[in-house]
Amino acid sequence: MALIVTPGAVDADSYATVAEADAYHATHLYASDWTSAVTATKEKALQMAARLLDGMPGAWTGAAAASDQALRWPRTGMLNIDGFSIDETEVPVRLKNAQAEFARQLIAGDRTGDNSIVAQGITSLTAGPVSLSFKETLDRLSALYAVVPDAVRMLLVPSWLETEAEVREDDSRQGLVIEVL
């Protein structure tokens, strides 16, 4: 199976190629899960990472460049980390690197399973004197955020993602109570 990485394609299934992900991992200290994987596994991990990134709550600002593109990028109205415009036909390297990082972590273990802390509804824990807080209800946003590793979110440009307040406001219109952990 070959990845389809053409920006804006109606059948695109990945932002990064295996070669681009290999290049990212070539300078990664903990890349053995990636480097020891066969190409077919790397391709599946990249496809899954693209789907999960596209499904992140609150993602993305701007607008899709075309109404029929399969993936959420390329986008219009986007800026790079230095504040310069990103061409609406381009998928930024930072997004490809985030996808590669996510793909490696997916190969290392199932990140899509329920996070036991989030699933139990634990919102805070204090060591002394012992304190434990539980949510009355578990919201979908907290559970979805738990799937995307911090290392992946740190590779993304903050202006690409809606703020927590925007997500909260949008979801409150749908009758949901959102508390981002």
N, C-alpha and C. Protein backbone atom coordinates (compact mmCIF):
# COMPACT_ATOMS: atom_id res chain seq x y z
N MET A 1 0.85 -1.17 0.00
CA MET A 1 0.00 0.00 0.00
C MET A 1 0.90 1.23 0.00
N ALA A 2 0.64 2.14 -0.87
CA ALA A 2 1.40 3.39 -0.92
C ALA A 2 0.57 4.51 -0.31
N LEU A 3 1.23 5.35 0.46
CA LEU A 3 0.54 6.49 1.05
C LEU A 3 0.19 7.51 -0.03
N ILE A 4 -0.90 8.20 0.15
CA ILE A 4 -1.29 9.28 -0.75
C ILE A 4 -1.10 10.58 0.02
N VAL A 5 -0.06 11.33 -0.35
CA VAL A 5 0.33 12.51 0.41
C VAL A 5 0.18 13.80 -0.39
N THR A 6 -0.51 13.76 -1.51
CA THR A 6 -0.71 14.95 -2.32
C THR A 6 -1.58 15.94 -1.55
N PRO A 7 -1.03 17.14 -1.23
CA PRO A 7 -1.82 18.11 -0.47
C PRO A 7 -3.14 18.45 -1.17
N GLY A 8 -4.22 18.34 -0.44
CA GLY A 8 -5.54 18.69 -0.96
C GLY A 8 -6.22 17.60 -1.78
N ALA A 9 -5.58 16.46 -1.93
CA ALA A 9 -6.17 15.38 -2.74
C ALA A 9 -7.43 14.82 -2.07
N VAL A 10 -8.38 14.40 -2.89
CA VAL A 10 -9.63 13.85 -2.38
C VAL A 10 -9.44 12.47 -1.75
N ASP A 11 -8.29 11.85 -2.02
CA ASP A 11 -8.01 10.53 -1.46
C ASP A 11 -6.74 10.50 -0.61
N ALA A 12 -6.24 11.67 -0.21
CA ALA A 12 -5.04 11.73 0.62
C ALA A 12 -5.29 11.00 1.93
N ASP A 13 -4.26 10.30 2.42
CA ASP A 13 -4.42 9.58 3.68
C ASP A 13 -3.26 9.82 4.65
N SER A 14 -2.35 10.72 4.28
CA SER A 14 -1.22 11.04 5.14
C SER A 14 -0.67 12.41 4.75
N TYR A 15 -0.10 13.08 5.72
CA TYR A 15 0.57 14.35 5.44
C TYR A 15 2.03 14.09 5.08
N ALA A 16 2.66 13.18 5.78
CA ALA A 16 4.08 12.89 5.61
C ALA A 16 4.28 11.56 4.89
N THR A 17 5.35 11.49 4.13
CA THR A 17 5.76 10.23 3.52
C THR A 17 6.57 9.43 4.54
N VAL A 18 6.78 8.18 4.28
CA VAL A 18 7.64 7.37 5.15
C VAL A 18 9.05 7.96 5.15
N ALA A 19 9.54 8.41 4.00
CA ALA A 19 10.87 9.01 3.91
C ALA A 19 10.97 10.26 4.79
N GLU A 20 9.93 11.10 4.80
CA GLU A 20 9.94 12.29 5.64
C GLU A 20 9.92 11.91 7.12
N ALA A 21 9.13 10.91 7.47
CA ALA A 21 9.08 10.45 8.85
C ALA A 21 10.41 9.80 9.25
N ASP A 22 11.02 9.07 8.34
CA ASP A 22 12.35 8.50 8.60
C ASP A 22 13.36 9.61 8.88
N ALA A 23 13.31 10.68 8.10
CA ALA A 23 14.23 11.81 8.28
C ALA A 23 14.00 12.47 9.65
N TYR A 24 12.75 12.62 10.04
CA TYR A 24 12.45 13.18 11.37
C TYR A 24 13.05 12.29 12.45
N HIS A 25 12.86 10.98 12.32
CA HIS A 25 13.33 10.06 13.36
C HIS A 25 14.85 9.84 13.34
N ALA A 26 15.51 10.22 12.25
CA ALA A 26 16.96 10.06 12.16
C ALA A 26 17.68 10.89 13.23
N THR A 27 17.05 11.95 13.70
CA THR A 27 17.65 12.79 14.73
C THR A 27 16.93 12.64 16.07
N HIS A 28 16.11 11.64 16.20
CA HIS A 28 15.30 11.42 17.41
C HIS A 28 16.04 10.43 18.31
N LEU A 29 16.20 10.78 19.57
CA LEU A 29 16.93 9.94 20.51
C LEU A 29 16.24 8.60 20.79
N TYR A 30 14.92 8.61 20.81
CA TYR A 30 14.17 7.40 21.17
C TYR A 30 13.37 6.88 19.98
N ALA A 31 14.04 6.59 18.90
CA ALA A 31 13.34 6.25 17.66
C ALA A 31 13.33 4.76 17.34
N SER A 32 13.78 3.91 18.24
CA SER A 32 13.92 2.49 17.90
C SER A 32 12.60 1.83 17.52
N ASP A 33 11.49 2.25 18.13
CA ASP A 33 10.20 1.68 17.73
C ASP A 33 9.92 1.98 16.26
N TRP A 34 10.27 3.18 15.83
CA TRP A 34 10.06 3.57 14.44
C TRP A 34 11.06 2.87 13.52
N THR A 35 12.34 2.96 13.85
CA THR A 35 13.37 2.45 12.95
C THR A 35 13.32 0.93 12.79
N SER A 36 12.80 0.24 13.79
CA SER A 36 12.72 -1.22 13.68
C SER A 36 11.43 -1.70 13.01
N ALA A 37 10.51 -0.80 12.75
CA ALA A 37 9.24 -1.18 12.11
C ALA A 37 9.43 -1.36 10.60
N VAL A 38 8.63 -2.25 10.03
CA VAL A 38 8.65 -2.44 8.58
C VAL A 38 7.85 -1.32 7.91
N THR A 39 8.06 -1.11 6.64
CA THR A 39 7.42 -0.02 5.91
C THR A 39 5.90 -0.07 6.02
N ALA A 40 5.30 -1.24 5.91
CA ALA A 40 3.84 -1.35 5.97
C ALA A 40 3.30 -0.87 7.33
N THR A 41 4.02 -1.18 8.40
CA THR A 41 3.61 -0.73 9.73
C THR A 41 3.75 0.78 9.85
N LYS A 42 4.84 1.33 9.30
CA LYS A 42 5.04 2.78 9.32
C LYS A 42 3.92 3.48 8.56
N GLU A 43 3.53 2.93 7.42
CA GLU A 43 2.45 3.53 6.63
C GLU A 43 1.13 3.53 7.40
N LYS A 44 0.80 2.40 8.03
CA LYS A 44 -0.44 2.32 8.82
C LYS A 44 -0.40 3.32 9.97
N ALA A 45 0.76 3.43 10.62
CA ALA A 45 0.88 4.36 11.74
C ALA A 45 0.73 5.81 11.27
N LEU A 46 1.30 6.14 10.13
CA LEU A 46 1.15 7.49 9.59
C LEU A 46 -0.31 7.78 9.22
N GLN A 47 -0.98 6.81 8.62
CA GLN A 47 -2.40 7.00 8.30
C GLN A 47 -3.24 7.21 9.56
N MET A 48 -2.99 6.41 10.57
CA MET A 48 -3.74 6.52 11.81
C MET A 48 -3.44 7.86 12.50
N ALA A 49 -2.18 8.26 12.51
CA ALA A 49 -1.81 9.53 13.12
C ALA A 49 -2.49 10.70 12.41
N ALA A 50 -2.57 10.64 11.08
CA ALA A 50 -3.26 11.70 10.32
C ALA A 50 -4.74 11.75 10.70
N ARG A 51 -5.38 10.59 10.80
CA ARG A 51 -6.80 10.55 11.19
C ARG A 51 -7.01 11.13 12.58
N LEU A 52 -6.14 10.76 13.51
CA LEU A 52 -6.28 11.23 14.88
C LEU A 52 -5.99 12.73 14.99
N LEU A 53 -4.99 13.21 14.28
CA LEU A 53 -4.71 14.65 14.27
C LEU A 53 -5.90 15.42 13.68
N ASP A 54 -6.45 14.91 12.61
CA ASP A 54 -7.60 15.56 11.99
C ASP A 54 -8.82 15.56 12.89
N GLY A 55 -8.92 14.59 13.77
CA GLY A 55 -10.06 14.48 14.67
C GLY A 55 -9.86 15.17 16.01
N MET A 56 -8.70 15.82 16.20
CA MET A 56 -8.45 16.51 17.47
C MET A 56 -9.52 17.54 17.74
N PRO A 57 -10.03 17.56 18.96
CA PRO A 57 -11.02 18.59 19.29
C PRO A 57 -10.36 19.96 19.27
N GLY A 58 -11.07 20.93 18.74
CA GLY A 58 -10.55 22.28 18.70
C GLY A 58 -9.62 22.55 17.54
N ALA A 59 -9.27 21.52 16.79
CA ALA A 59 -8.39 21.75 15.64
C ALA A 59 -9.29 22.04 14.46
N TRP A 60 -8.99 22.78 13.61
CA TRP A 60 -7.90 23.69 13.34
C TRP A 60 -8.46 25.06 13.08
N THR A 61 -7.65 26.10 13.21
CA THR A 61 -8.09 27.43 12.81
C THR A 61 -8.00 27.51 11.30
N GLY A 62 -8.35 28.65 10.74
CA GLY A 62 -8.32 28.78 9.28
C GLY A 62 -9.44 27.97 8.66
N ALA A 63 -9.28 27.69 7.38
CA ALA A 63 -10.30 26.92 6.65
C ALA A 63 -9.62 25.95 5.70
N ALA A 64 -10.26 24.84 5.43
CA ALA A 64 -9.72 23.89 4.45
C ALA A 64 -9.54 24.61 3.12
N ALA A 65 -8.47 24.29 2.41
CA ALA A 65 -8.18 24.95 1.14
C ALA A 65 -9.19 24.57 0.06
N ALA A 66 -9.77 23.37 0.16
CA ALA A 66 -10.75 22.91 -0.83
C ALA A 66 -11.85 22.14 -0.11
N SER A 67 -13.05 22.21 -0.62
CA SER A 67 -14.18 21.55 0.04
C SER A 67 -14.13 20.03 -0.09
N ASP A 68 -13.40 19.52 -1.08
CA ASP A 68 -13.39 18.08 -1.31
C ASP A 68 -12.09 17.39 -0.88
N GLN A 69 -11.21 18.10 -0.18
CA GLN A 69 -9.97 17.45 0.25
C GLN A 69 -10.27 16.45 1.35
N ALA A 70 -9.53 15.34 1.35
CA ALA A 70 -9.78 14.27 2.30
C ALA A 70 -9.29 14.61 3.71
N LEU A 71 -8.16 15.29 3.80
CA LEU A 71 -7.59 15.64 5.10
C LEU A 71 -7.85 17.12 5.40
N ARG A 72 -7.65 17.51 6.63
CA ARG A 72 -7.96 18.88 7.06
C ARG A 72 -6.93 19.91 6.59
N TRP A 73 -5.75 19.48 6.19
CA TRP A 73 -4.72 20.35 5.62
C TRP A 73 -4.53 19.98 4.18
N PRO A 74 -4.19 20.91 3.29
CA PRO A 74 -3.77 22.29 3.54
C PRO A 74 -4.94 23.18 3.92
N ARG A 75 -4.59 24.34 4.52
CA ARG A 75 -5.59 25.28 5.01
C ARG A 75 -5.27 26.70 4.54
N THR A 76 -6.28 27.52 4.52
CA THR A 76 -6.09 28.93 4.19
C THR A 76 -6.04 29.73 5.49
N GLY A 77 -5.39 30.87 5.43
CA GLY A 77 -5.34 31.76 6.59
C GLY A 77 -4.44 31.28 7.70
N MET A 78 -3.45 30.46 7.40
CA MET A 78 -2.57 29.91 8.42
C MET A 78 -1.21 30.61 8.39
N LEU A 79 -0.59 30.70 9.58
CA LEU A 79 0.72 31.32 9.72
C LEU A 79 1.71 30.31 10.27
N ASN A 80 2.98 30.47 9.89
CA ASN A 80 4.01 29.60 10.47
C ASN A 80 4.40 30.11 11.84
N ILE A 81 5.33 29.45 12.50
CA ILE A 81 5.73 29.80 13.86
C ILE A 81 6.25 31.23 13.95
N ASP A 82 6.78 31.77 12.85
CA ASP A 82 7.32 33.13 12.83
C ASP A 82 6.31 34.17 12.36
N GLY A 83 5.07 33.75 12.10
CA GLY A 83 4.02 34.68 11.73
C GLY A 83 3.89 34.95 10.23
N PHE A 84 4.60 34.19 9.40
CA PHE A 84 4.49 34.36 7.95
C PHE A 84 3.41 33.42 7.41
N SER A 85 2.75 33.85 6.35
CA SER A 85 1.68 33.06 5.75
C SER A 85 2.19 31.73 5.21
N ILE A 86 1.37 30.71 5.41
CA ILE A 86 1.65 29.40 4.82
C ILE A 86 0.83 29.30 3.55
N ASP A 87 1.46 28.94 2.46
CA ASP A 87 0.77 28.80 1.19
C ASP A 87 -0.35 27.79 1.33
N GLU A 88 -1.51 28.08 0.75
CA GLU A 88 -2.68 27.20 0.90
C GLU A 88 -2.56 25.89 0.14
N THR A 89 -1.45 25.66 -0.54
CA THR A 89 -1.22 24.37 -1.20
C THR A 89 -0.18 23.55 -0.43
N GLU A 90 0.27 24.08 0.70
CA GLU A 90 1.39 23.48 1.44
C GLU A 90 0.93 22.81 2.73
N VAL A 91 1.57 21.68 3.05
CA VAL A 91 1.43 21.06 4.36
C VAL A 91 2.75 21.35 5.08
N PRO A 92 2.71 22.09 6.17
CA PRO A 92 3.94 22.51 6.84
C PRO A 92 4.74 21.35 7.42
N VAL A 93 6.05 21.52 7.43
CA VAL A 93 6.96 20.51 7.98
C VAL A 93 6.64 20.24 9.45
N ARG A 94 6.27 21.26 10.19
CA ARG A 94 5.94 21.06 11.62
C ARG A 94 4.78 20.09 11.79
N LEU A 95 3.79 20.15 10.90
CA LEU A 95 2.67 19.22 10.96
C LEU A 95 3.13 17.81 10.59
N LYS A 96 3.97 17.72 9.57
CA LYS A 96 4.51 16.41 9.18
C LYS A 96 5.34 15.80 10.31
N ASN A 97 6.12 16.64 10.99
CA ASN A 97 6.91 16.14 12.13
C ASN A 97 6.02 15.69 13.27
N ALA A 98 4.95 16.45 13.54
CA ALA A 98 4.00 16.06 14.58
C ALA A 98 3.35 14.72 14.23
N GLN A 99 3.01 14.54 12.96
CA GLN A 99 2.43 13.28 12.52
C GLN A 99 3.43 12.14 12.68
N ALA A 100 4.69 12.38 12.32
CA ALA A 100 5.73 11.36 12.46
C ALA A 100 5.93 10.97 13.92
N GLU A 101 5.95 11.96 14.80
CA GLU A 101 6.09 11.70 16.23
C GLU A 101 4.91 10.89 16.75
N PHE A 102 3.72 11.27 16.35
CA PHE A 102 2.51 10.56 16.76
C PHE A 102 2.55 9.13 16.23
N ALA A 103 2.95 8.94 14.99
CA ALA A 103 3.02 7.61 14.39
C ALA A 103 3.98 6.71 15.18
N ARG A 104 5.13 7.25 15.58
CA ARG A 104 6.08 6.47 16.37
C ARG A 104 5.46 6.06 17.69
N GLN A 105 4.76 6.99 18.33
CA GLN A 105 4.14 6.67 19.61
C GLN A 105 3.01 5.66 19.46
N LEU A 106 2.32 5.68 18.32
CA LEU A 106 1.29 4.68 18.06
C LEU A 106 1.89 3.29 17.84
N ILE A 107 3.05 3.24 17.20
CA ILE A 107 3.73 1.96 17.03
C ILE A 107 4.17 1.42 18.39
N ALA A 108 4.63 2.30 19.26
CA ALA A 108 5.12 1.90 20.58
C ALA A 108 4.00 1.34 21.46
N GLY A 109 2.77 1.81 21.28
CA GLY A 109 1.67 1.33 22.12
C GLY A 109 0.36 1.97 21.71
N ASP A 110 -0.73 1.36 22.11
CA ASP A 110 -2.06 1.85 21.76
C ASP A 110 -2.40 3.09 22.56
N ARG A 111 -2.38 4.23 21.91
CA ARG A 111 -2.72 5.50 22.56
C ARG A 111 -4.22 5.77 22.49
N THR A 112 -4.95 4.94 21.76
CA THR A 112 -6.38 5.19 21.58
C THR A 112 -7.24 4.51 22.64
N GLY A 113 -6.65 3.64 23.43
CA GLY A 113 -7.41 3.01 24.50
C GLY A 113 -7.78 4.05 25.53
N ASP A 114 -8.79 3.79 26.31
CA ASP A 114 -9.21 4.75 27.33
C ASP A 114 -8.08 5.00 28.31
N ASN A 115 -7.81 6.26 28.57
CA ASN A 115 -6.85 6.65 29.58
C ASN A 115 -7.50 6.33 30.92
N SER A 116 -6.86 5.50 31.74
CA SER A 116 -7.50 5.05 32.97
C SER A 116 -7.78 6.19 33.93
N ILE A 117 -6.91 7.19 33.98
CA ILE A 117 -7.15 8.32 34.87
C ILE A 117 -8.35 9.12 34.37
N VAL A 118 -8.35 9.42 33.07
CA VAL A 118 -9.47 10.18 32.50
C VAL A 118 -10.76 9.37 32.59
N ALA A 119 -10.67 8.07 32.29
CA ALA A 119 -11.87 7.23 32.31
C ALA A 119 -12.49 7.17 33.70
N GLN A 120 -11.67 7.23 34.73
CA GLN A 120 -12.20 7.21 36.08
C GLN A 120 -12.75 8.57 36.49
N GLY A 121 -12.45 9.60 35.70
CA GLY A 121 -12.95 10.93 36.01
C GLY A 121 -12.15 11.66 37.05
N ILE A 122 -10.91 11.24 37.29
CA ILE A 122 -10.07 11.91 38.27
C ILE A 122 -9.60 13.23 37.67
N THR A 123 -9.89 14.33 38.36
CA THR A 123 -9.50 15.64 37.86
C THR A 123 -8.30 16.22 38.60
N SER A 124 -8.06 15.77 39.84
CA SER A 124 -6.88 16.24 40.55
C SER A 124 -6.53 15.26 41.66
N LEU A 125 -5.25 15.31 42.04
CA LEU A 125 -4.74 14.45 43.09
C LEU A 125 -3.69 15.25 43.83
N THR A 126 -3.75 15.31 45.14
CA THR A 126 -2.78 16.01 45.96
C THR A 126 -2.15 15.00 46.89
N ALA A 127 -0.84 15.04 47.07
CA ALA A 127 -0.15 14.05 47.87
C ALA A 127 -0.34 14.24 49.37
N GLY A 128 -0.23 15.42 49.88
CA GLY A 128 -0.40 15.53 51.31
C GLY A 128 -1.06 16.82 51.71
N PRO A 129 -1.90 16.86 52.67
CA PRO A 129 -2.69 15.72 53.13
C PRO A 129 -3.62 15.28 52.01
N VAL A 130 -3.72 14.03 51.81
CA VAL A 130 -4.34 13.40 50.65
C VAL A 130 -5.64 14.06 50.22
N SER A 131 -5.74 14.32 48.91
CA SER A 131 -6.94 14.92 48.33
C SER A 131 -7.13 14.33 46.94
N LEU A 132 -8.33 13.98 46.61
CA LEU A 132 -8.65 13.38 45.31
C LEU A 132 -9.96 13.96 44.84
N SER A 133 -10.00 14.43 43.58
CA SER A 133 -11.23 15.01 43.04
C SER A 133 -11.67 14.25 41.81
N PHE A 134 -12.98 14.01 41.70
CA PHE A 134 -13.56 13.32 40.57
C PHE A 134 -14.54 14.23 39.86
N LYS A 135 -14.64 14.08 38.55
CA LYS A 135 -15.66 14.78 37.79
C LYS A 135 -16.96 14.02 37.96
N GLU A 136 -18.04 14.76 37.92
CA GLU A 136 -19.33 14.10 37.96
C GLU A 136 -19.61 13.41 36.64
N THR A 137 -19.21 14.05 35.55
CA THR A 137 -19.38 13.45 34.23
C THR A 137 -18.09 13.61 33.46
N LEU A 138 -17.78 12.65 32.65
CA LEU A 138 -16.59 12.70 31.81
C LEU A 138 -16.98 13.32 30.47
N ASP A 139 -16.27 14.36 30.08
CA ASP A 139 -16.60 14.98 28.81
C ASP A 139 -15.76 14.39 27.69
N ARG A 140 -16.27 14.50 26.48
CA ARG A 140 -15.61 13.93 25.32
C ARG A 140 -14.29 14.61 25.01
N LEU A 141 -14.17 15.89 25.30
CA LEU A 141 -12.97 16.63 24.97
C LEU A 141 -11.78 16.14 25.79
N SER A 142 -11.96 15.93 27.08
CA SER A 142 -10.87 15.45 27.92
C SER A 142 -10.39 14.08 27.45
N ALA A 143 -11.31 13.21 27.11
CA ALA A 143 -10.94 11.88 26.65
C ALA A 143 -10.18 11.94 25.33
N LEU A 144 -10.61 12.81 24.41
CA LEU A 144 -9.93 12.92 23.13
C LEU A 144 -8.56 13.56 23.26
N TYR A 145 -8.42 14.56 24.13
CA TYR A 145 -7.12 15.19 24.34
C TYR A 145 -6.11 14.20 24.90
N ALA A 146 -6.58 13.25 25.70
CA ALA A 146 -5.68 12.27 26.29
C ALA A 146 -5.01 11.39 25.23
N VAL A 147 -5.61 11.24 24.07
CA VAL A 147 -5.06 10.41 23.00
C VAL A 147 -3.86 11.07 22.34
N VAL A 148 -3.87 12.39 22.18
CA VAL A 148 -2.80 13.10 21.49
C VAL A 148 -1.71 13.45 22.50
N PRO A 149 -0.53 12.86 22.33
CA PRO A 149 0.56 13.09 23.29
C PRO A 149 1.02 14.55 23.32
N ASP A 150 1.48 14.98 24.48
CA ASP A 150 2.00 16.34 24.63
C ASP A 150 3.12 16.62 23.64
N ALA A 151 4.00 15.63 23.41
CA ALA A 151 5.13 15.82 22.48
C ALA A 151 4.64 16.15 21.08
N VAL A 152 3.49 15.62 20.70
CA VAL A 152 2.90 15.91 19.39
C VAL A 152 2.34 17.32 19.37
N ARG A 153 1.56 17.69 20.40
CA ARG A 153 0.98 19.03 20.46
C ARG A 153 2.06 20.11 20.50
N MET A 154 3.20 19.81 21.14
CA MET A 154 4.29 20.80 21.23
C MET A 154 4.93 21.07 19.87
N LEU A 155 4.82 20.15 18.93
CA LEU A 155 5.38 20.35 17.59
C LEU A 155 4.48 21.22 16.72
N LEU A 156 3.23 21.35 17.11
CA LEU A 156 2.28 22.15 16.34
C LEU A 156 2.41 23.63 16.71
N VAL A 157 2.11 24.51 15.78
CA VAL A 157 2.13 25.94 16.03
C VAL A 157 0.85 26.29 16.80
N PRO A 158 0.97 26.95 17.97
CA PRO A 158 -0.22 27.24 18.77
C PRO A 158 -1.34 27.95 18.02
N SER A 159 -1.01 28.84 17.11
CA SER A 159 -2.05 29.58 16.38
C SER A 159 -2.85 28.69 15.44
N TRP A 160 -2.38 27.47 15.19
CA TRP A 160 -3.11 26.55 14.33
C TRP A 160 -4.33 25.96 15.03
N LEU A 161 -4.32 25.97 16.34
CA LEU A 161 -5.37 25.32 17.12
C LEU A 161 -6.26 26.36 17.76
N GLU A 162 -7.55 26.06 17.81
CA GLU A 162 -8.47 26.93 18.52
C GLU A 162 -8.06 26.95 19.99
N THR A 163 -8.32 28.05 20.66
CA THR A 163 -8.00 28.13 22.08
C THR A 163 -9.02 27.33 22.88
N GLU A 164 -8.65 27.01 24.11
CA GLU A 164 -9.58 26.27 24.97
C GLU A 164 -10.88 27.04 25.14
N ALA A 165 -10.80 28.37 25.23
CA ALA A 165 -12.02 29.17 25.39
C ALA A 165 -12.92 29.04 24.17
N GLU A 166 -12.33 29.03 22.97
CA GLU A 166 -13.12 28.87 21.75
C GLU A 166 -13.79 27.51 21.72
N VAL A 167 -13.05 26.48 22.12
CA VAL A 167 -13.61 25.13 22.15
C VAL A 167 -14.74 25.07 23.17
N ARG A 168 -14.50 25.65 24.35
CA ARG A 168 -15.51 25.65 25.40
C ARG A 168 -16.77 26.36 24.94
N GLU A 169 -16.60 27.53 24.30
CA GLU A 169 -17.75 28.30 23.83
C GLU A 169 -18.51 27.53 22.76
N ASP A 170 -17.78 26.93 21.81
CA ASP A 170 -18.42 26.19 20.74
C ASP A 170 -19.19 25.01 21.29
N ASP A 171 -18.60 24.25 22.20
CA ASP A 171 -19.27 23.08 22.74
C ASP A 171 -20.40 23.44 23.70
N SER A 172 -20.31 24.61 24.34
CA SER A 172 -21.39 25.00 25.25
C SER A 172 -22.66 25.29 24.45
N ARG A 173 -22.49 25.70 23.20
CA ARG A 173 -23.68 25.92 22.35
C ARG A 173 -24.37 24.60 22.03
N GLN A 174 -23.63 23.51 22.16
CA GLN A 174 -24.20 22.20 21.87
C GLN A 174 -24.70 21.54 23.16
N GLY A 175 -24.68 22.27 24.27
CA GLY A 175 -25.18 21.74 25.53
C GLY A 175 -24.20 20.84 26.25
N LEU A 176 -22.91 20.93 25.92
CA LEU A 176 -21.90 20.12 26.58
C LEU A 176 -21.13 20.95 27.59
N VAL A 177 -20.72 20.35 28.68
CA VAL A 177 -19.88 21.03 29.66
C VAL A 177 -18.46 20.54 29.41
N ILE A 178 -17.55 21.48 29.16
CA ILE A 178 -16.19 21.12 28.81
C ILE A 178 -15.22 21.69 29.85
N GLU A 179 -14.36 20.84 30.37
CA GLU A 179 -13.27 21.29 31.22
C GLU A 179 -12.03 20.62 30.70
N VAL A 180 -11.14 21.38 30.07
CA VAL A 180 -9.93 20.83 29.50
C VAL A 180 -8.92 20.61 30.61
N LEU A 181 -8.40 19.39 30.69
CA LEU A 181 -7.40 19.08 31.71
C LEU A 181 -6.05 19.58 31.30
